[in-house]
């Protein structure tokens, strides 16, 4: 190969490596369930134990959650720079609805599926805040309200509700940087954890849900 040809190939390889690095930077994987991995996802128990396991569903590995009068979640502590990757992406489905619940009250604070982000208050635990993206039973899609137990430290956003089909996958994309600004009135550039939970303890119900991969991206 001539010198000029070698140089050209070298610069092409350098260019491709840069493009691939940029593409990798655009996608920050948090929950790689399709790879059968649950690394660094830790249980967070409130009452009884919701069962979480990787299963094969239609040829794709996903996380299955089964709750029977239980409320426990999975939490992954990871500091995420929202100025680099502000958009959280995931998909989910539920197999059944929970019934006629008053989700703004403590007895009705149950959700077949929820995904949420947490901003830690550190030692000042009272400053911990969260946004819960929930699959509501009775609250209309788009409704926002403070959590019945945590007040305005944990805001609930109904992304799905009774108008959405059971047994069907839905894909979500939320700009967390924008949502935090809207809900808490300040620029929050980092989150400290992502969590999922299927809970039915307050109304003593049952629910089955599935969660697909969770990742952050630039857009």
N, C-alpha and C. Protein backbone atom coordinates (compact mmCIF):
# COMPACT_ATOMS: atom_id res chain seq x y z
N UNK A 1 0.85 -1.20 0.00
CA UNK A 1 0.00 0.00 0.00
C UNK A 1 0.89 1.25 0.00
N UNK A 2 0.54 2.22 -0.80
CA UNK A 2 1.30 3.46 -0.83
C UNK A 2 1.14 4.24 0.47
N UNK A 3 2.11 5.13 0.73
CA UNK A 3 2.08 5.94 1.95
C UNK A 3 0.80 6.77 2.02
N UNK A 4 0.43 7.40 0.90
CA UNK A 4 -0.78 8.24 0.88
C UNK A 4 -2.01 7.41 1.21
N UNK A 5 -2.02 6.16 0.68
CA UNK A 5 -3.14 5.29 0.97
C UNK A 5 -3.22 4.92 2.42
N UNK A 6 -2.06 4.64 3.02
CA UNK A 6 -2.01 4.30 4.44
C UNK A 6 -2.50 5.46 5.30
N UNK A 7 -2.07 6.67 4.93
CA UNK A 7 -2.49 7.85 5.68
C UNK A 7 -4.00 8.03 5.60
N UNK A 8 -4.54 7.82 4.39
CA UNK A 8 -5.99 7.97 4.21
C UNK A 8 -6.75 6.97 5.06
N UNK A 9 -6.29 5.72 5.05
CA UNK A 9 -6.94 4.69 5.87
C UNK A 9 -6.84 5.03 7.34
N UNK A 10 -5.68 5.54 7.76
CA UNK A 10 -5.48 5.91 9.16
C UNK A 10 -6.49 6.96 9.60
N UNK A 11 -6.67 8.00 8.78
CA UNK A 11 -7.60 9.07 9.15
C UNK A 11 -9.05 8.61 9.12
N UNK A 12 -9.35 7.67 8.22
CA UNK A 12 -10.71 7.10 8.21
C UNK A 12 -10.99 6.34 9.50
N UNK A 13 -9.99 5.55 9.93
CA UNK A 13 -10.15 4.79 11.17
C UNK A 13 -10.30 5.71 12.37
N UNK A 14 -9.50 6.79 12.39
CA UNK A 14 -9.60 7.76 13.48
C UNK A 14 -10.97 8.40 13.49
N UNK A 15 -11.46 8.77 12.30
CA UNK A 15 -12.78 9.40 12.20
C UNK A 15 -13.88 8.46 12.70
N UNK A 16 -13.80 7.19 12.27
CA UNK A 16 -14.81 6.22 12.69
C UNK A 16 -14.78 6.00 14.20
N UNK A 17 -13.59 5.99 14.79
CA UNK A 17 -13.48 5.79 16.23
C UNK A 17 -14.10 6.95 16.99
N UNK A 18 -13.93 8.17 16.45
CA UNK A 18 -14.52 9.35 17.09
C UNK A 18 -16.03 9.30 16.99
N UNK A 19 -16.54 8.93 15.80
CA UNK A 19 -17.99 8.83 15.61
C UNK A 19 -18.59 7.79 16.55
N UNK A 20 -17.91 6.63 16.67
CA UNK A 20 -18.42 5.58 17.55
C UNK A 20 -18.38 6.02 19.00
N UNK A 21 -17.35 6.76 19.40
CA UNK A 21 -17.25 7.25 20.78
C UNK A 21 -18.37 8.23 21.06
N UNK A 22 -18.64 9.12 20.08
CA UNK A 22 -19.72 10.08 20.27
C UNK A 22 -21.06 9.36 20.39
N UNK A 23 -21.26 8.33 19.55
CA UNK A 23 -22.52 7.59 19.60
C UNK A 23 -22.69 6.90 20.94
N UNK A 24 -21.58 6.35 21.47
CA UNK A 24 -21.64 5.67 22.76
C UNK A 24 -21.96 6.66 23.87
N UNK A 25 -21.40 7.87 23.75
CA UNK A 25 -21.63 8.89 24.78
C UNK A 25 -23.09 9.34 24.81
N UNK A 26 -23.80 9.18 23.69
CA UNK A 26 -25.17 9.64 23.61
C UNK A 26 -26.14 8.71 24.33
N UNK A 27 -25.68 7.51 24.68
CA UNK A 27 -26.56 6.52 25.30
C UNK A 27 -25.91 5.99 26.57
N UNK A 28 -26.47 6.36 27.70
CA UNK A 28 -25.97 5.91 29.00
C UNK A 28 -26.92 4.86 29.54
N UNK A 29 -26.51 3.61 29.49
CA UNK A 29 -27.38 2.50 29.89
C UNK A 29 -27.47 2.42 31.41
N UNK A 30 -28.69 2.35 31.93
CA UNK A 30 -28.93 2.24 33.36
C UNK A 30 -29.47 0.86 33.72
N UNK A 31 -30.39 0.38 32.92
CA UNK A 31 -30.95 -0.95 33.14
C UNK A 31 -30.87 -1.76 31.86
N UNK A 32 -29.88 -2.63 31.77
CA UNK A 32 -29.69 -3.44 30.56
C UNK A 32 -30.35 -4.81 30.75
N UNK A 33 -31.65 -4.80 30.93
CA UNK A 33 -32.38 -6.03 31.22
C UNK A 33 -32.37 -6.99 30.02
N UNK A 34 -32.34 -6.45 28.80
CA UNK A 34 -32.34 -7.30 27.62
C UNK A 34 -31.05 -8.12 27.52
N UNK A 35 -30.02 -7.70 28.25
CA UNK A 35 -28.77 -8.47 28.30
C UNK A 35 -28.78 -9.47 29.46
N UNK A 36 -29.90 -9.51 30.18
CA UNK A 36 -30.01 -10.41 31.33
C UNK A 36 -29.27 -9.92 32.55
N UNK A 37 -28.96 -8.61 32.58
CA UNK A 37 -28.16 -8.05 33.67
C UNK A 37 -29.00 -7.21 34.63
N UNK A 38 -28.69 -7.37 35.91
CA UNK A 38 -29.31 -6.53 36.94
C UNK A 38 -28.22 -5.98 37.86
N UNK A 39 -27.04 -5.71 37.28
CA UNK A 39 -25.90 -5.24 38.06
C UNK A 39 -26.22 -3.93 38.78
N UNK A 40 -25.92 -3.92 40.07
CA UNK A 40 -26.01 -2.72 40.91
C UNK A 40 -27.44 -2.23 41.15
N UNK A 41 -28.43 -3.04 40.79
CA UNK A 41 -29.81 -2.73 41.18
C UNK A 41 -30.06 -3.38 42.54
N UNK A 42 -30.36 -2.54 43.52
CA UNK A 42 -30.53 -3.03 44.88
C UNK A 42 -31.99 -2.95 45.31
N UNK A 43 -32.45 -3.90 46.13
CA UNK A 43 -33.84 -3.87 46.58
C UNK A 43 -34.09 -2.75 47.58
N UNK A 44 -35.26 -2.15 47.46
CA UNK A 44 -35.71 -1.17 48.44
C UNK A 44 -37.09 -1.59 48.92
N UNK A 45 -37.19 -2.06 50.14
CA UNK A 45 -38.42 -2.68 50.65
C UNK A 45 -39.19 -1.72 51.54
N UNK A 46 -40.50 -1.63 51.27
CA UNK A 46 -41.40 -0.85 52.11
C UNK A 46 -42.30 -1.78 52.93
N UNK A 47 -42.92 -2.72 52.24
CA UNK A 47 -43.80 -3.67 52.91
C UNK A 47 -43.89 -4.92 52.05
N UNK A 48 -43.55 -6.05 52.64
CA UNK A 48 -43.51 -7.30 51.88
C UNK A 48 -42.58 -7.15 50.68
N UNK A 49 -42.57 -8.12 49.80
CA UNK A 49 -41.58 -8.14 48.74
C UNK A 49 -42.25 -8.34 47.38
N UNK A 50 -42.14 -7.36 46.52
CA UNK A 50 -42.53 -7.55 45.13
C UNK A 50 -41.45 -8.41 44.47
N UNK A 51 -41.86 -9.36 43.67
CA UNK A 51 -40.91 -10.29 43.04
C UNK A 51 -40.43 -9.72 41.71
N UNK A 52 -39.12 -9.55 41.58
CA UNK A 52 -38.52 -9.06 40.34
C UNK A 52 -37.59 -10.13 39.77
N UNK A 53 -37.71 -10.39 38.49
CA UNK A 53 -36.84 -11.36 37.85
C UNK A 53 -36.75 -11.10 36.35
N UNK A 54 -35.60 -11.45 35.77
CA UNK A 54 -35.43 -11.37 34.33
C UNK A 54 -36.12 -12.57 33.70
N UNK A 55 -36.98 -12.31 32.71
CA UNK A 55 -37.69 -13.39 32.02
C UNK A 55 -37.60 -13.16 30.52
N UNK A 56 -37.91 -14.21 29.77
CA UNK A 56 -37.96 -14.11 28.32
C UNK A 56 -39.41 -13.89 27.91
N UNK A 57 -39.66 -12.80 27.21
CA UNK A 57 -41.01 -12.49 26.77
C UNK A 57 -40.97 -12.22 25.27
N UNK A 58 -41.56 -13.13 24.52
CA UNK A 58 -41.58 -13.02 23.06
C UNK A 58 -40.17 -12.90 22.49
N UNK A 59 -39.23 -13.65 23.08
CA UNK A 59 -37.88 -13.69 22.56
C UNK A 59 -36.95 -12.59 23.03
N UNK A 60 -37.46 -11.72 23.92
CA UNK A 60 -36.64 -10.62 24.45
C UNK A 60 -36.63 -10.70 25.97
N UNK A 61 -35.46 -10.55 26.56
CA UNK A 61 -35.37 -10.56 28.01
C UNK A 61 -35.78 -9.21 28.59
N UNK A 62 -36.66 -9.26 29.57
CA UNK A 62 -37.18 -8.06 30.23
C UNK A 62 -37.27 -8.33 31.73
N UNK A 63 -37.52 -7.27 32.48
CA UNK A 63 -37.68 -7.42 33.92
C UNK A 63 -39.17 -7.55 34.25
N UNK A 64 -39.51 -8.64 34.92
CA UNK A 64 -40.90 -8.88 35.32
C UNK A 64 -41.07 -8.56 36.79
N UNK A 65 -42.16 -7.86 37.11
CA UNK A 65 -42.49 -7.52 38.49
C UNK A 65 -43.86 -8.10 38.84
N UNK A 66 -43.93 -8.81 39.96
CA UNK A 66 -45.19 -9.38 40.43
C UNK A 66 -45.41 -8.93 41.87
N UNK A 67 -46.50 -8.21 42.08
CA UNK A 67 -46.81 -7.67 43.40
C UNK A 67 -48.15 -8.21 43.89
N UNK A 68 -48.16 -8.70 45.13
CA UNK A 68 -49.39 -9.16 45.76
C UNK A 68 -49.41 -8.58 47.17
N UNK A 69 -50.15 -7.48 47.33
CA UNK A 69 -50.19 -6.78 48.62
C UNK A 69 -48.77 -6.47 49.11
N UNK A 70 -47.93 -6.03 48.20
CA UNK A 70 -46.52 -5.78 48.54
C UNK A 70 -46.07 -4.44 47.96
N UNK A 71 -44.97 -3.95 48.50
CA UNK A 71 -44.42 -2.68 48.02
C UNK A 71 -42.91 -2.70 48.21
N UNK A 72 -42.21 -3.16 47.21
CA UNK A 72 -40.76 -3.06 47.21
C UNK A 72 -40.31 -2.70 45.81
N UNK A 73 -39.17 -2.05 45.73
CA UNK A 73 -38.68 -1.61 44.43
C UNK A 73 -37.24 -2.04 44.22
N UNK A 74 -36.70 -1.61 43.10
CA UNK A 74 -35.29 -1.79 42.79
C UNK A 74 -34.70 -0.42 42.53
N UNK A 75 -33.54 -0.17 43.12
CA UNK A 75 -32.91 1.13 43.02
C UNK A 75 -31.50 0.98 42.47
N UNK A 76 -31.15 1.83 41.52
CA UNK A 76 -29.77 1.86 41.04
C UNK A 76 -29.20 3.25 41.34
N UNK A 77 -28.24 3.28 42.26
CA UNK A 77 -27.59 4.54 42.59
C UNK A 77 -26.52 4.85 41.56
N UNK A 78 -26.70 5.93 40.86
CA UNK A 78 -25.73 6.36 39.85
C UNK A 78 -25.93 7.84 39.61
N UNK A 79 -24.87 8.59 39.76
CA UNK A 79 -24.94 10.03 39.53
C UNK A 79 -24.92 10.29 38.03
N UNK A 80 -25.94 10.99 37.56
CA UNK A 80 -26.09 11.22 36.12
C UNK A 80 -26.08 12.72 35.85
N UNK A 81 -25.22 13.14 34.94
CA UNK A 81 -25.11 14.54 34.54
C UNK A 81 -26.17 14.83 33.49
N UNK A 82 -27.20 15.56 33.88
CA UNK A 82 -28.31 15.83 32.98
C UNK A 82 -27.97 16.85 31.91
N UNK A 83 -26.87 17.54 32.08
CA UNK A 83 -26.45 18.47 31.03
C UNK A 83 -25.87 17.71 29.84
N UNK A 84 -25.40 16.49 30.09
CA UNK A 84 -24.87 15.65 29.01
C UNK A 84 -25.93 14.72 28.45
N UNK A 85 -26.67 14.08 29.33
CA UNK A 85 -27.71 13.13 28.90
C UNK A 85 -28.99 13.40 29.69
N UNK A 86 -29.79 14.37 29.26
CA UNK A 86 -30.98 14.76 30.03
C UNK A 86 -32.22 13.90 29.82
N UNK A 87 -32.23 13.07 28.79
CA UNK A 87 -33.46 12.36 28.41
C UNK A 87 -33.42 10.91 28.90
N UNK A 88 -34.42 10.53 29.69
CA UNK A 88 -34.55 9.15 30.14
C UNK A 88 -35.51 8.40 29.21
N UNK A 89 -35.07 7.23 28.78
CA UNK A 89 -35.84 6.41 27.84
C UNK A 89 -36.11 5.05 28.48
N UNK A 90 -37.32 4.55 28.29
CA UNK A 90 -37.64 3.19 28.74
C UNK A 90 -38.93 2.73 28.08
N UNK A 91 -39.23 1.45 28.25
CA UNK A 91 -40.53 0.93 27.82
C UNK A 91 -41.08 0.04 28.91
N UNK A 92 -42.40 -0.05 28.97
CA UNK A 92 -43.06 -0.82 30.03
C UNK A 92 -44.43 -1.29 29.57
N UNK A 93 -44.96 -2.26 30.28
CA UNK A 93 -46.31 -2.74 30.03
C UNK A 93 -46.86 -3.30 31.33
N UNK A 94 -48.18 -3.29 31.45
CA UNK A 94 -48.82 -3.92 32.61
C UNK A 94 -49.80 -4.97 32.11
N UNK A 95 -50.07 -5.94 32.96
CA UNK A 95 -50.97 -7.03 32.59
C UNK A 95 -52.36 -6.85 33.18
N UNK A 96 -52.49 -6.00 34.19
CA UNK A 96 -53.81 -5.78 34.80
C UNK A 96 -53.86 -4.42 35.47
N UNK A 97 -55.06 -3.91 35.63
CA UNK A 97 -55.26 -2.62 36.32
C UNK A 97 -55.55 -2.88 37.80
N UNK A 98 -55.41 -1.84 38.60
CA UNK A 98 -55.58 -2.00 40.05
C UNK A 98 -56.97 -1.65 40.55
N UNK A 99 -57.80 -1.11 39.69
CA UNK A 99 -59.16 -0.80 40.14
C UNK A 99 -59.37 0.66 40.42
N UNK A 100 -60.44 0.95 41.12
CA UNK A 100 -60.86 2.34 41.36
C UNK A 100 -60.16 2.89 42.60
N UNK A 101 -58.98 3.48 42.41
CA UNK A 101 -58.18 4.00 43.53
C UNK A 101 -58.17 5.52 43.53
N UNK A 102 -58.17 6.09 44.70
CA UNK A 102 -57.92 7.52 44.85
C UNK A 102 -56.41 7.69 45.03
N UNK A 103 -55.71 7.88 43.93
CA UNK A 103 -54.26 7.87 43.95
C UNK A 103 -53.64 9.10 44.61
N UNK A 104 -54.47 10.09 44.92
CA UNK A 104 -53.97 11.25 45.65
C UNK A 104 -54.05 11.04 47.16
N UNK A 105 -54.58 9.89 47.59
CA UNK A 105 -54.70 9.58 49.01
C UNK A 105 -53.73 8.47 49.38
N UNK A 106 -53.44 8.34 50.67
CA UNK A 106 -52.54 7.29 51.13
C UNK A 106 -53.09 5.88 50.86
N UNK A 107 -54.39 5.63 51.09
CA UNK A 107 -54.91 4.28 50.82
C UNK A 107 -54.87 3.91 49.33
N UNK A 108 -54.78 4.91 48.46
CA UNK A 108 -54.78 4.62 47.03
C UNK A 108 -53.45 4.83 46.35
N UNK A 109 -52.39 4.98 47.12
CA UNK A 109 -51.06 5.26 46.56
C UNK A 109 -50.39 3.96 46.09
N UNK A 110 -51.00 3.30 45.11
CA UNK A 110 -50.50 2.07 44.52
C UNK A 110 -50.42 2.25 43.00
N UNK A 111 -49.42 1.60 42.39
CA UNK A 111 -49.25 1.72 40.94
C UNK A 111 -48.75 0.41 40.36
N UNK A 112 -49.37 -0.01 39.27
CA UNK A 112 -48.95 -1.24 38.62
C UNK A 112 -47.51 -1.11 38.11
N UNK A 113 -47.11 0.10 37.76
CA UNK A 113 -45.73 0.33 37.31
C UNK A 113 -45.36 1.78 37.57
N UNK A 114 -44.14 1.96 37.99
CA UNK A 114 -43.60 3.32 38.13
C UNK A 114 -42.09 3.30 37.94
N UNK A 115 -41.60 4.36 37.34
CA UNK A 115 -40.17 4.58 37.16
C UNK A 115 -39.88 5.98 37.69
N UNK A 116 -38.86 6.08 38.54
CA UNK A 116 -38.61 7.42 39.08
C UNK A 116 -37.14 7.74 39.24
N UNK A 117 -36.91 9.06 39.29
CA UNK A 117 -35.55 9.58 39.47
C UNK A 117 -35.48 10.25 40.83
N UNK A 118 -34.30 10.18 41.44
CA UNK A 118 -34.12 10.68 42.81
C UNK A 118 -32.95 11.64 42.87
N UNK A 119 -33.16 12.76 43.56
CA UNK A 119 -32.09 13.70 43.88
C UNK A 119 -31.84 13.59 45.37
N UNK A 120 -30.69 13.09 45.75
CA UNK A 120 -30.41 12.84 47.16
C UNK A 120 -30.15 14.13 47.92
N UNK A 121 -30.68 14.18 49.14
CA UNK A 121 -30.39 15.30 50.03
C UNK A 121 -29.20 15.03 50.92
N UNK A 122 -28.58 13.86 50.77
CA UNK A 122 -27.43 13.50 51.59
C UNK A 122 -27.83 13.38 53.05
N UNK A 123 -27.01 13.95 53.92
CA UNK A 123 -27.33 13.92 55.34
C UNK A 123 -28.60 14.70 55.64
N UNK A 124 -28.87 15.71 54.83
CA UNK A 124 -30.11 16.48 54.97
C UNK A 124 -31.20 15.73 54.21
N UNK A 125 -31.59 14.57 54.75
CA UNK A 125 -32.49 13.66 54.04
C UNK A 125 -33.81 14.32 53.66
N UNK A 126 -34.21 15.34 54.43
CA UNK A 126 -35.47 16.02 54.16
C UNK A 126 -35.42 16.81 52.85
N UNK A 127 -34.23 16.97 52.29
CA UNK A 127 -34.09 17.67 51.02
C UNK A 127 -34.11 16.72 49.83
N UNK A 128 -34.22 15.43 50.08
CA UNK A 128 -34.32 14.45 49.00
C UNK A 128 -35.61 14.69 48.22
N UNK A 129 -35.49 14.67 46.90
CA UNK A 129 -36.65 14.90 46.04
C UNK A 129 -36.70 13.84 44.94
N UNK A 130 -37.88 13.69 44.37
CA UNK A 130 -38.05 12.67 43.33
C UNK A 130 -39.19 13.05 42.41
N UNK A 131 -39.10 12.54 41.20
CA UNK A 131 -40.22 12.57 40.27
C UNK A 131 -40.58 11.13 39.94
N UNK A 132 -41.85 10.79 40.15
CA UNK A 132 -42.37 9.44 39.86
C UNK A 132 -43.18 9.49 38.57
N UNK A 133 -42.77 8.73 37.58
CA UNK A 133 -43.55 8.57 36.37
C UNK A 133 -44.36 7.29 36.54
N UNK A 134 -45.68 7.42 36.58
CA UNK A 134 -46.50 6.28 36.99
C UNK A 134 -47.49 5.86 35.91
N UNK A 135 -47.86 4.59 36.00
CA UNK A 135 -48.97 4.04 35.22
C UNK A 135 -50.17 4.08 36.16
N UNK A 136 -50.97 5.13 36.00
CA UNK A 136 -52.07 5.37 36.93
C UNK A 136 -53.27 4.48 36.61
N UNK A 137 -54.12 4.33 37.61
CA UNK A 137 -55.35 3.55 37.43
C UNK A 137 -56.55 4.45 37.15
N UNK A 138 -56.64 5.55 37.90
CA UNK A 138 -57.80 6.43 37.76
C UNK A 138 -57.42 7.87 37.39
N UNK A 139 -56.23 8.28 37.76
CA UNK A 139 -55.81 9.64 37.41
C UNK A 139 -55.62 9.74 35.90
N UNK A 140 -56.09 10.83 35.28
CA UNK A 140 -55.96 10.95 33.82
C UNK A 140 -54.52 11.15 33.39
N UNK A 141 -54.24 10.73 32.18
CA UNK A 141 -52.91 10.89 31.62
C UNK A 141 -52.53 12.38 31.60
N UNK A 142 -51.33 12.67 32.07
CA UNK A 142 -50.86 14.05 32.11
C UNK A 142 -51.06 14.74 33.45
N UNK A 143 -51.83 14.12 34.35
CA UNK A 143 -52.08 14.74 35.65
C UNK A 143 -50.80 14.68 36.50
N UNK A 144 -50.58 15.76 37.27
CA UNK A 144 -49.42 15.86 38.15
C UNK A 144 -49.90 16.21 39.56
N UNK A 145 -49.36 15.53 40.57
CA UNK A 145 -49.78 15.80 41.94
C UNK A 145 -48.68 15.40 42.92
N UNK A 146 -48.67 15.98 44.12
CA UNK A 146 -47.68 15.59 45.13
C UNK A 146 -48.01 14.23 45.73
N UNK A 147 -46.99 13.46 46.03
CA UNK A 147 -47.19 12.14 46.60
C UNK A 147 -47.94 12.22 47.93
N UNK A 148 -48.82 11.24 48.16
CA UNK A 148 -49.66 11.25 49.36
C UNK A 148 -48.85 11.13 50.64
N UNK A 149 -47.69 10.50 50.59
CA UNK A 149 -46.86 10.31 51.78
C UNK A 149 -45.74 11.35 51.89
N UNK A 150 -45.13 11.69 50.76
CA UNK A 150 -43.95 12.57 50.79
C UNK A 150 -44.26 14.01 50.44
N UNK A 151 -45.50 14.32 50.08
CA UNK A 151 -45.85 15.69 49.74
C UNK A 151 -45.14 16.14 48.48
N UNK A 152 -44.83 17.45 48.41
CA UNK A 152 -44.24 17.98 47.18
C UNK A 152 -42.75 17.68 47.04
N UNK A 153 -42.21 16.83 47.93
CA UNK A 153 -40.84 16.35 47.74
C UNK A 153 -40.78 15.24 46.68
N UNK A 154 -41.93 14.62 46.42
CA UNK A 154 -42.02 13.57 45.41
C UNK A 154 -43.24 13.84 44.55
N UNK A 155 -43.00 14.29 43.35
CA UNK A 155 -44.10 14.63 42.45
C UNK A 155 -44.44 13.44 41.56
N UNK A 156 -45.74 13.23 41.37
CA UNK A 156 -46.25 12.12 40.57
C UNK A 156 -46.72 12.64 39.21
N UNK A 157 -46.31 11.97 38.15
CA UNK A 157 -46.73 12.34 36.80
C UNK A 157 -47.32 11.10 36.14
N UNK A 158 -48.60 11.18 35.79
CA UNK A 158 -49.27 10.04 35.14
C UNK A 158 -48.94 10.04 33.65
N UNK A 159 -48.06 9.12 33.25
CA UNK A 159 -47.74 8.98 31.83
C UNK A 159 -48.73 8.06 31.13
N UNK A 160 -49.22 7.07 31.86
CA UNK A 160 -50.20 6.14 31.33
C UNK A 160 -51.35 6.02 32.31
N UNK A 161 -52.52 5.65 31.80
CA UNK A 161 -53.68 5.53 32.68
C UNK A 161 -54.62 4.47 32.12
N UNK A 162 -55.88 4.53 32.55
CA UNK A 162 -56.84 3.50 32.16
C UNK A 162 -57.17 3.56 30.67
N UNK A 163 -56.81 4.64 30.00
CA UNK A 163 -57.07 4.74 28.56
C UNK A 163 -56.05 3.95 27.74
N UNK A 164 -54.97 3.48 28.39
CA UNK A 164 -53.95 2.71 27.70
C UNK A 164 -54.20 1.21 27.88
N UNK A 165 -53.82 0.45 26.89
CA UNK A 165 -54.12 -0.98 26.86
C UNK A 165 -53.21 -1.77 27.79
N UNK A 166 -53.76 -2.80 28.41
CA UNK A 166 -52.94 -3.76 29.14
C UNK A 166 -52.33 -4.73 28.12
N UNK A 167 -51.25 -5.40 28.55
CA UNK A 167 -50.60 -6.37 27.66
C UNK A 167 -49.97 -5.76 26.43
N UNK A 168 -49.67 -4.47 26.50
CA UNK A 168 -49.10 -3.75 25.36
C UNK A 168 -47.89 -2.94 25.80
N UNK A 169 -46.83 -2.99 25.03
CA UNK A 169 -45.64 -2.21 25.35
C UNK A 169 -45.83 -0.75 24.94
N UNK A 170 -45.39 0.15 25.82
CA UNK A 170 -45.36 1.57 25.51
C UNK A 170 -43.94 2.10 25.76
N UNK A 171 -43.48 2.93 24.85
CA UNK A 171 -42.15 3.50 24.95
C UNK A 171 -42.24 4.94 25.45
N UNK A 172 -41.41 5.28 26.43
CA UNK A 172 -41.43 6.62 27.03
C UNK A 172 -40.10 7.34 26.81
N UNK A 173 -40.19 8.65 26.74
CA UNK A 173 -39.02 9.50 26.61
C UNK A 173 -39.32 10.80 27.36
N UNK A 174 -38.55 11.08 28.42
CA UNK A 174 -38.79 12.27 29.23
C UNK A 174 -37.49 13.06 29.41
N UNK A 175 -37.59 14.36 29.21
CA UNK A 175 -36.45 15.23 29.47
C UNK A 175 -36.45 15.54 30.96
N UNK A 176 -35.59 14.88 31.70
CA UNK A 176 -35.57 14.99 33.15
C UNK A 176 -35.14 16.40 33.58
N UNK A 177 -34.22 16.99 32.87
CA UNK A 177 -33.77 18.35 33.18
C UNK A 177 -34.93 19.33 33.15
N UNK A 178 -35.76 19.21 32.12
CA UNK A 178 -36.92 20.09 31.98
C UNK A 178 -37.97 19.78 33.04
N UNK A 179 -38.25 18.48 33.27
CA UNK A 179 -39.26 18.10 34.26
C UNK A 179 -38.89 18.57 35.66
N UNK A 180 -37.62 18.46 36.03
CA UNK A 180 -37.18 18.91 37.36
C UNK A 180 -37.36 20.41 37.51
N UNK A 181 -37.05 21.14 36.47
CA UNK A 181 -37.22 22.60 36.50
C UNK A 181 -38.70 22.95 36.68
N UNK A 182 -39.56 22.26 35.97
CA UNK A 182 -40.99 22.55 36.04
C UNK A 182 -41.58 22.19 37.40
N UNK A 183 -41.13 21.10 37.99
CA UNK A 183 -41.73 20.62 39.24
C UNK A 183 -41.14 21.27 40.48
N UNK A 184 -39.86 21.60 40.45
CA UNK A 184 -39.22 22.14 41.66
C UNK A 184 -38.74 23.57 41.51
N UNK A 185 -38.89 24.14 40.33
CA UNK A 185 -38.61 25.55 40.13
C UNK A 185 -37.16 25.94 40.17
N UNK A 186 -36.27 24.99 39.93
CA UNK A 186 -34.85 25.32 39.94
C UNK A 186 -34.10 24.42 38.97
N UNK A 187 -32.91 24.86 38.59
CA UNK A 187 -32.08 24.08 37.68
C UNK A 187 -31.34 23.00 38.48
N UNK A 188 -31.69 21.75 38.23
CA UNK A 188 -31.04 20.62 38.89
C UNK A 188 -30.29 19.85 37.82
N UNK A 189 -28.98 19.83 37.91
CA UNK A 189 -28.15 19.28 36.84
C UNK A 189 -27.76 17.82 37.04
N UNK A 190 -28.02 17.29 38.24
CA UNK A 190 -27.63 15.90 38.51
C UNK A 190 -28.76 15.16 39.22
N UNK A 191 -28.90 13.88 38.90
CA UNK A 191 -29.72 13.01 39.73
C UNK A 191 -28.80 11.94 40.30
N UNK A 192 -29.25 11.30 41.37
CA UNK A 192 -28.39 10.36 42.08
C UNK A 192 -28.84 8.91 42.00
N UNK A 193 -30.05 8.69 41.52
CA UNK A 193 -30.54 7.30 41.44
C UNK A 193 -31.74 7.22 40.51
N UNK A 194 -31.93 6.02 39.98
CA UNK A 194 -33.13 5.68 39.22
C UNK A 194 -33.76 4.47 39.92
N UNK A 195 -35.07 4.44 40.00
CA UNK A 195 -35.74 3.33 40.68
C UNK A 195 -36.97 2.90 39.89
N UNK A 196 -37.37 1.66 40.11
CA UNK A 196 -38.62 1.15 39.56
C UNK A 196 -39.39 0.48 40.70
N UNK A 197 -40.70 0.48 40.57
CA UNK A 197 -41.49 -0.18 41.62
C UNK A 197 -42.88 -0.53 41.10
N UNK A 198 -43.30 -1.71 41.43
CA UNK A 198 -44.68 -2.16 41.25
C UNK A 198 -45.22 -2.44 42.65
N UNK A 199 -46.23 -1.66 43.07
CA UNK A 199 -46.66 -1.77 44.47
C UNK A 199 -48.17 -1.80 44.58
N UNK A 200 -48.65 -2.65 45.51
CA UNK A 200 -50.09 -2.86 45.68
C UNK A 200 -50.46 -2.99 47.15
N UNK A 201 -49.63 -2.47 48.04
CA UNK A 201 -49.83 -2.74 49.47
C UNK A 201 -50.95 -1.95 50.10
N UNK A 202 -51.16 -0.72 49.67
CA UNK A 202 -52.14 0.13 50.35
C UNK A 202 -53.58 -0.33 50.11
N UNK A 203 -53.87 -0.75 48.88
CA UNK A 203 -55.22 -1.22 48.55
C UNK A 203 -55.31 -2.73 48.54
N UNK A 204 -54.20 -3.42 48.91
CA UNK A 204 -54.17 -4.88 49.03
C UNK A 204 -54.55 -5.58 47.72
N UNK A 205 -53.96 -5.09 46.64
CA UNK A 205 -54.26 -5.67 45.33
C UNK A 205 -53.13 -6.52 44.78
N UNK A 206 -53.23 -6.83 43.49
CA UNK A 206 -52.21 -7.60 42.79
C UNK A 206 -51.93 -6.93 41.44
N UNK A 207 -50.67 -7.03 41.00
CA UNK A 207 -50.31 -6.45 39.70
C UNK A 207 -49.10 -7.17 39.14
N UNK A 208 -49.09 -7.28 37.83
CA UNK A 208 -47.93 -7.81 37.10
C UNK A 208 -47.54 -6.79 36.04
N UNK A 209 -46.26 -6.47 35.99
CA UNK A 209 -45.76 -5.50 35.03
C UNK A 209 -44.43 -5.96 34.47
N UNK A 210 -44.06 -5.38 33.33
CA UNK A 210 -42.77 -5.67 32.70
C UNK A 210 -42.07 -4.35 32.40
N UNK A 211 -40.75 -4.37 32.58
CA UNK A 211 -39.93 -3.19 32.30
C UNK A 211 -38.85 -3.58 31.29
N UNK A 212 -38.69 -2.76 30.25
CA UNK A 212 -37.63 -2.95 29.29
C UNK A 212 -36.41 -2.15 29.70
N UNK A 213 -35.42 -2.07 28.82
CA UNK A 213 -34.18 -1.36 29.12
C UNK A 213 -34.44 0.11 29.45
N UNK A 214 -33.61 0.64 30.34
CA UNK A 214 -33.68 2.05 30.74
C UNK A 214 -32.33 2.69 30.43
N UNK A 215 -32.38 3.81 29.72
CA UNK A 215 -31.12 4.49 29.41
C UNK A 215 -31.34 5.99 29.26
N UNK A 216 -30.25 6.73 29.37
CA UNK A 216 -30.27 8.18 29.19
C UNK A 216 -29.60 8.54 27.86
N UNK A 217 -30.07 9.61 27.25
CA UNK A 217 -29.52 10.05 25.97
C UNK A 217 -29.53 11.57 25.89
N UNK A 218 -28.88 12.09 24.85
CA UNK A 218 -28.84 13.55 24.66
C UNK A 218 -30.18 14.07 24.18
N UNK A 219 -30.84 13.27 23.34
CA UNK A 219 -32.11 13.71 22.75
C UNK A 219 -33.18 12.64 22.89
